[in-house]
Amino acid sequence: MKGKKVGILIGVAAVAVAVGASVTVTQQNEYKLIRQFGKVDRVISSPGISFRIPFIESTQALPKETMLYDLAASDVITKDKKTMISDSYVLWKISDPLKFAQALNSSVESGESRINTAVYNATKNAISSMSQDQVITSRDGELSDMVMTAIGTNMDQYGIELLKFETKQLDLPDDNKEAVYERMISERDNIAATYKAEGSSEAKVIRNKTDKEVAIQISDAKKQAEILEAEGEQEYMKILAQAYGEEDRSEFYSFVRSLDALKTSMKGGDKTVILSPDSPIAQIFEGK
C-alpha cells in the first residue's frame, strides 16, 4: 500500500514537471523561438503564455526592442584624398526573427558584425564622393541621409532593420587640423572681402546716380526760377508801361519810384540827401 502511494506521488511529480516544462512565457520586449530538434518550428511574437512539447521542443529568446550599435572610430578618405576620422552609431532592431535565426543563427553579435560592415562601407563611399571642405561644411543630417540611402534594404536578408545612423564626430586628424582650419578661415575672409568690395561698388553707383538726379533737379529748379523771374519782370514792365501811358497815374508812379530810389540811397551811414528842385519829393516839401 505504501509503495502504491509512492508510485502515485512520483507520477504526479512527473506530470507536474512535464506540464511545467511545456509552459513557456514570452515577455513584452522579446520574440520567443520554438525549436524542434534544433530547427525553428515557429516564432511567438505576442507576450503571454504558450506551450511546447517537453523534451522535444526548446525555446530561445531574441530581443524585440531597439538596440544601439556603436561603431569603432575609423579613418575615411575624402574625394580630394584627405583623411578624416569618422565616429558613428546605429539604432537597429530585429524585424524578422525567423530570417535572423536562419541567416545569423540567432546571434546578435553576428548581426552587429553585418551592420558594421554595411555602415562602414556606406560611410566610406559617401565621404569619398565629397571634398574635405564639403564634409566639414555639410548641413546636419546630410551624411546620415547618404549612408541610409546607400544601405537601403541590404539588411533585410538578415531580418534586420536599420532605424537611424548618426555621426557622433567627423573630425580631422590632429596633425593637420589646425592647418585646415586656418585655410578655411582665410577662404571665408576672402569671400567676406569680396562681398564688402561689391557692396562698396554698388553703394558708389547708387550715390553717383543720386547726385546726378539731385543736380538735374536743382538745374530744373533754377531754370523754373529764371522763367518765373522773367515772367514777373515782364509783367512789371507791362504794368509800368500801362501806368506811364495814362497821365493821371503817371505822376503817382513817378512819385513812388522816387521814394524807392530815396530809400535805397539812404542805406548806410550817410543820411544826407540832395534833391533836385524838379524832384516830386522836393516839390512836396516846398508845398507845390
Protein backbone atom coordinates (compact mmCIF):
# COMPACT_ATOMS: atom_id res chain seq x y z
CA MET A 1 0.00 0.00 0.00
CA LYS A 2 2.83 2.26 0.92
CA GLY A 3 4.62 1.52 -2.35
CA LYS A 4 1.49 2.34 -4.27
CA LYS A 5 1.31 5.80 -2.67
CA VAL A 6 4.91 6.43 -3.53
CA GLY A 7 4.23 5.49 -7.13
CA ILE A 8 1.30 7.87 -7.28
CA LEU A 9 3.40 10.70 -5.87
CA ILE A 10 6.12 10.01 -8.40
CA GLY A 11 3.55 10.03 -11.19
CA VAL A 12 2.05 13.33 -10.03
CA ALA A 13 5.51 14.83 -9.76
CA ALA A 14 6.36 13.66 -13.27
CA VAL A 15 3.14 15.16 -14.64
CA ALA A 16 3.88 18.44 -12.84
CA VAL A 17 7.38 18.52 -14.26
CA ALA A 18 6.07 17.76 -17.75
CA VAL A 19 3.41 20.46 -17.52
CA GLY A 20 5.96 22.94 -16.19
CA ALA A 21 8.37 22.06 -18.97
CA SER A 22 5.66 22.56 -21.60
CA VAL A 23 4.81 26.11 -20.50
CA THR A 24 6.77 28.98 -21.96
CA VAL A 25 6.32 32.68 -21.14
CA THR A 26 7.03 35.38 -23.74
CA GLN A 27 7.87 38.86 -22.44
CA GLN A 28 6.82 42.19 -23.98
CA ASN A 29 10.34 43.01 -25.19
CA GLU A 30 11.23 39.68 -26.83
CA TYR A 31 10.47 37.16 -29.52
CA LYS A 32 10.36 33.51 -28.50
CA LEU A 33 11.66 30.92 -30.98
CA ILE A 34 10.30 27.40 -30.64
CA ARG A 35 12.86 24.90 -31.97
CA GLN A 36 12.19 21.26 -32.70
CA PHE A 37 15.35 19.21 -32.81
CA GLY A 38 17.31 22.44 -33.31
CA LYS A 39 15.27 23.75 -36.25
CA VAL A 40 13.00 26.77 -35.77
CA ASP A 41 9.44 25.50 -35.92
CA ARG A 42 7.58 28.71 -35.09
CA VAL A 43 8.02 32.20 -33.65
CA ILE A 44 5.95 33.66 -30.82
CA SER A 45 5.76 37.45 -31.15
CA SER A 46 2.95 38.31 -28.73
CA PRO A 47 3.59 38.43 -24.99
CA GLY A 48 1.89 35.77 -22.84
CA ILE A 49 1.89 32.06 -22.05
CA SER A 50 2.21 29.36 -24.70
CA PHE A 51 3.01 25.66 -24.75
CA ARG A 52 5.63 23.42 -26.29
CA ILE A 53 6.28 19.70 -26.35
CA PRO A 54 8.55 18.89 -23.42
CA PHE A 55 11.96 17.36 -24.19
CA ILE A 56 11.30 17.64 -27.95
CA GLU A 57 10.88 21.35 -28.41
CA SER A 58 13.18 24.00 -26.94
CA THR A 59 12.86 27.79 -26.71
CA GLN A 60 15.17 30.70 -27.45
CA ALA A 61 14.56 34.42 -26.81
CA LEU A 62 15.52 37.22 -29.18
CA PRO A 63 15.36 40.93 -28.30
CA LYS A 64 12.42 42.86 -29.76
CA GLU A 65 13.41 46.33 -28.57
CA THR A 66 15.55 48.87 -30.43
CA MET A 67 19.27 48.28 -29.96
CA LEU A 68 22.25 50.60 -30.28
CA TYR A 69 25.45 49.55 -32.01
CA ASP A 70 28.42 51.87 -31.53
CA LEU A 71 30.86 51.62 -34.42
CA ALA A 72 34.56 51.98 -33.71
CA ALA A 73 36.15 55.23 -34.91
CA SER A 74 37.80 54.71 -38.28
CA ASP A 75 39.76 56.62 -40.93
CA VAL A 76 38.00 57.55 -44.16
CA ILE A 77 39.37 59.28 -47.28
CA THR A 78 37.66 62.25 -48.94
CA LYS A 79 37.37 62.90 -52.66
CA ASP A 80 40.44 65.18 -52.54
CA LYS A 81 42.48 62.45 -50.80
CA LYS A 82 42.30 63.93 -47.29
CA THR A 83 41.99 61.73 -44.22
CA MET A 84 39.15 62.21 -41.74
CA ILE A 85 38.09 60.30 -38.64
CA SER A 86 34.50 59.02 -38.52
CA ASP A 87 32.87 58.03 -35.23
CA SER A 88 29.23 56.96 -35.51
CA TYR A 89 26.47 54.74 -34.14
CA VAL A 90 23.40 52.90 -35.45
CA LEU A 91 19.96 52.20 -33.99
CA TRP A 92 18.59 48.89 -35.21
CA LYS A 93 16.13 46.12 -34.44
CA ILE A 94 15.26 42.59 -35.47
CA SER A 95 12.39 42.97 -37.94
CA ASP A 96 12.10 39.30 -38.97
CA PRO A 97 13.16 36.90 -36.21
CA LEU A 98 12.85 33.82 -38.46
CA LYS A 99 15.23 35.27 -41.07
CA PHE A 100 17.53 36.45 -38.30
CA ALA A 101 17.64 32.98 -36.83
CA GLN A 102 18.19 31.25 -40.16
CA ALA A 103 20.77 33.69 -41.57
CA LEU A 104 22.70 34.52 -38.41
CA ASN A 105 21.90 31.58 -36.14
CA SER A 106 20.07 33.96 -33.80
CA SER A 107 23.35 35.70 -32.89
CA VAL A 108 23.13 39.40 -32.05
CA GLU A 109 26.93 39.62 -32.36
CA SER A 110 26.72 38.28 -35.91
CA GLY A 111 24.04 40.84 -36.70
CA GLU A 112 26.22 43.68 -35.38
CA SER A 113 29.11 42.39 -37.48
CA ARG A 114 26.98 42.61 -40.64
CA ILE A 115 25.82 46.10 -39.61
CA ASN A 116 29.39 47.22 -39.02
CA THR A 117 30.47 46.12 -42.50
CA ALA A 118 27.49 47.68 -44.28
CA VAL A 119 27.65 51.00 -42.43
CA TYR A 120 31.42 51.37 -42.73
CA ASN A 121 31.33 50.75 -46.49
CA ALA A 122 28.41 53.16 -46.98
CA THR A 123 30.13 55.84 -44.89
CA LYS A 124 33.41 55.39 -46.75
CA ASN A 125 31.68 55.64 -50.15
CA ALA A 126 29.66 58.70 -49.12
CA ILE A 127 32.67 60.61 -47.81
CA SER A 128 34.81 59.60 -50.78
CA SER A 129 32.31 61.39 -53.03
CA MET A 130 32.79 64.70 -51.15
CA SER A 131 35.74 67.03 -50.71
CA GLN A 132 37.05 67.70 -47.23
CA ASP A 133 35.50 71.19 -47.23
CA GLN A 134 32.14 69.76 -48.27
CA VAL A 135 32.28 67.20 -45.46
CA ILE A 136 33.13 69.86 -42.87
CA THR A 137 30.51 72.35 -44.02
CA SER A 138 27.75 69.87 -44.87
CA ARG A 139 24.45 70.51 -43.10
CA ASP A 140 23.21 68.35 -40.25
CA GLY A 141 21.80 65.02 -41.40
CA GLU A 142 23.19 65.20 -44.94
CA LEU A 143 25.79 62.46 -44.41
CA SER A 144 23.29 60.35 -42.45
CA ASP A 145 20.81 60.50 -45.31
CA MET A 146 23.51 59.48 -47.79
CA VAL A 147 24.55 56.48 -45.67
CA MET A 148 20.99 55.29 -45.06
CA THR A 149 20.18 55.62 -48.77
CA ALA A 150 23.30 53.67 -49.73
CA ILE A 151 22.46 50.79 -47.36
CA GLY A 152 18.84 50.75 -48.48
CA THR A 153 17.26 47.35 -47.91
CA ASN A 154 20.50 45.35 -47.88
CA MET A 155 19.97 44.30 -44.27
CA ASP A 156 16.54 42.80 -44.96
CA GLN A 157 18.17 39.49 -45.90
CA TYR A 158 19.28 39.14 -42.29
CA GLY A 159 15.94 40.13 -40.77
CA ILE A 160 17.47 43.42 -39.60
CA GLU A 161 16.08 46.93 -39.93
CA LEU A 162 18.33 49.98 -39.55
CA LEU A 163 16.35 52.75 -37.90
CA LYS A 164 18.89 55.54 -37.71
CA PHE A 165 22.51 56.35 -38.48
CA GLU A 166 24.18 59.23 -36.70
CA THR A 167 27.71 60.60 -36.77
CA LYS A 168 28.94 61.39 -33.27
CA GLN A 169 32.09 63.01 -34.59
CA LEU A 170 33.60 63.64 -38.00
CA ASP A 171 36.93 65.23 -37.38
CA LEU A 172 40.36 65.86 -38.81
CA PRO A 173 43.50 64.08 -37.65
CA ASP A 174 45.33 66.15 -35.05
CA ASP A 175 48.41 66.61 -37.25
CA ASN A 176 46.59 68.68 -39.93
CA LYS A 177 43.53 70.01 -38.10
CA GLU A 178 44.98 73.47 -37.39
CA ALA A 179 46.26 73.95 -40.94
CA VAL A 180 42.87 73.08 -42.43
CA TYR A 181 41.01 75.41 -40.09
CA GLU A 182 43.39 78.29 -40.88
CA ARG A 183 42.89 77.73 -44.59
CA MET A 184 39.12 77.68 -44.20
CA ILE A 185 39.22 80.91 -42.15
CA SER A 186 41.36 82.54 -44.85
CA GLU A 187 38.89 81.47 -47.55
CA ARG A 188 35.96 82.83 -45.55
CA ASP A 189 37.82 86.14 -45.07
CA ASN A 190 38.43 86.37 -48.82
CA ILE A 191 34.75 85.75 -49.51
CA ALA A 192 33.77 88.40 -46.97
CA ALA A 193 36.22 90.90 -48.53
CA THR A 194 34.74 90.21 -51.97
CA TYR A 195 31.21 90.82 -50.72
CA LYS A 196 32.35 94.02 -48.99
CA ALA A 197 34.04 95.30 -52.18
CA GLU A 198 30.95 94.51 -54.24
CA GLY A 199 28.81 96.30 -51.68
CA SER A 200 31.05 99.39 -51.74
CA SER A 201 30.96 99.46 -55.54
CA GLU A 202 27.18 99.19 -55.55
CA ALA A 203 26.93 101.96 -52.95
CA LYS A 204 29.15 104.21 -55.09
CA VAL A 205 26.93 103.62 -58.13
CA ILE A 206 23.85 104.47 -56.07
CA ARG A 207 25.49 107.65 -54.70
CA ASN A 208 26.57 108.78 -58.18
CA LYS A 209 23.09 108.17 -59.52
CA THR A 210 21.55 110.07 -56.61
CA ASP A 211 23.95 113.02 -57.01
CA LYS A 212 23.14 113.19 -60.72
CA GLU A 213 19.40 113.17 -60.05
CA VAL A 214 19.82 115.92 -57.42
CA ALA A 215 21.91 118.03 -59.82
CA ILE A 216 19.24 117.65 -62.51
CA GLN A 217 16.51 118.66 -60.07
CA ILE A 218 18.49 121.72 -58.92
CA SER A 219 19.12 122.74 -62.54
CA ASP A 220 15.44 122.34 -63.36
CA ALA A 221 14.52 124.42 -60.31
CA LYS A 222 16.92 127.20 -61.33
CA LYS A 223 15.50 127.23 -64.85
CA GLN A 224 11.99 127.40 -63.49
CA ALA A 225 13.00 130.24 -61.16
CA GLU A 226 14.56 132.16 -64.04
CA ILE A 227 11.43 131.67 -66.10
CA LEU A 228 9.23 132.89 -63.24
CA GLU A 229 11.57 135.85 -62.63
CA ALA A 230 11.49 136.78 -66.33
CA GLU A 231 7.71 136.48 -66.39
CA GLY A 232 7.48 138.69 -63.29
CA GLU A 233 9.81 141.28 -64.77
CA GLN A 234 7.79 141.20 -67.98
CA GLU A 235 4.57 141.72 -66.06
CA TYR A 236 6.18 144.53 -64.05
CA MET A 237 7.29 146.31 -67.19
CA LYS A 238 3.84 145.85 -68.64
CA ILE A 239 2.27 147.47 -65.56
CA LEU A 240 4.76 150.36 -65.74
CA ALA A 241 4.05 150.85 -69.41
CA GLN A 242 0.33 150.99 -68.69
CA ALA A 243 0.89 153.35 -65.76
CA TYR A 244 3.05 155.81 -67.63
CA GLY A 245 0.71 155.64 -70.57
CA GLU A 246 -2.08 157.29 -68.52
CA GLU A 247 -1.45 160.85 -67.39
CA ASP A 248 -3.39 160.63 -64.10
CA ARG A 249 -1.38 157.59 -62.98
CA SER A 250 1.97 158.65 -64.39
CA GLU A 251 2.64 161.22 -61.71
CA PHE A 252 1.74 158.80 -58.91
CA TYR A 253 4.03 156.02 -60.17
CA SER A 254 6.82 158.56 -60.76
CA PHE A 255 6.45 159.68 -57.14
CA VAL A 256 6.52 156.05 -55.86
CA ARG A 257 9.67 155.29 -57.86
CA SER A 258 11.30 158.43 -56.45
CA LEU A 259 10.54 157.22 -52.91
CA ASP A 260 12.06 153.81 -53.70
CA ALA A 261 15.17 155.48 -55.06
CA LEU A 262 15.40 157.72 -51.97
CA LYS A 263 15.03 154.72 -49.65
CA THR A 264 17.81 152.90 -51.46
CA SER A 265 20.20 155.91 -51.35
CA MET A 266 19.77 156.31 -47.56
CA LYS A 267 21.17 152.89 -46.73
CA GLY A 268 24.44 153.00 -44.84
CA GLY A 269 25.84 155.68 -42.51
CA ASP A 270 25.36 158.73 -44.76
CA LYS A 271 21.79 160.09 -44.36
CA THR A 272 22.26 163.29 -46.36
CA VAL A 273 20.05 163.57 -49.43
CA ILE A 274 20.35 166.21 -52.12
CA LEU A 275 17.12 166.70 -54.05
CA SER A 276 16.67 168.40 -57.36
CA PRO A 277 14.16 171.25 -57.36
CA ASP A 278 12.27 169.38 -60.04
CA SER A 279 12.00 166.24 -57.91
CA PRO A 280 8.44 165.26 -56.96
CA ILE A 281 9.58 164.88 -53.34
CA ALA A 282 11.21 168.31 -53.24
CA GLN A 283 8.06 169.83 -54.67
CA ILE A 284 6.04 168.21 -51.82
CA PHE A 285 8.42 169.71 -49.24
CA GLU A 286 8.04 173.12 -50.95
CA GLY A 287 4.29 172.78 -50.87
CA LYS A 288 3.82 172.67 -54.58
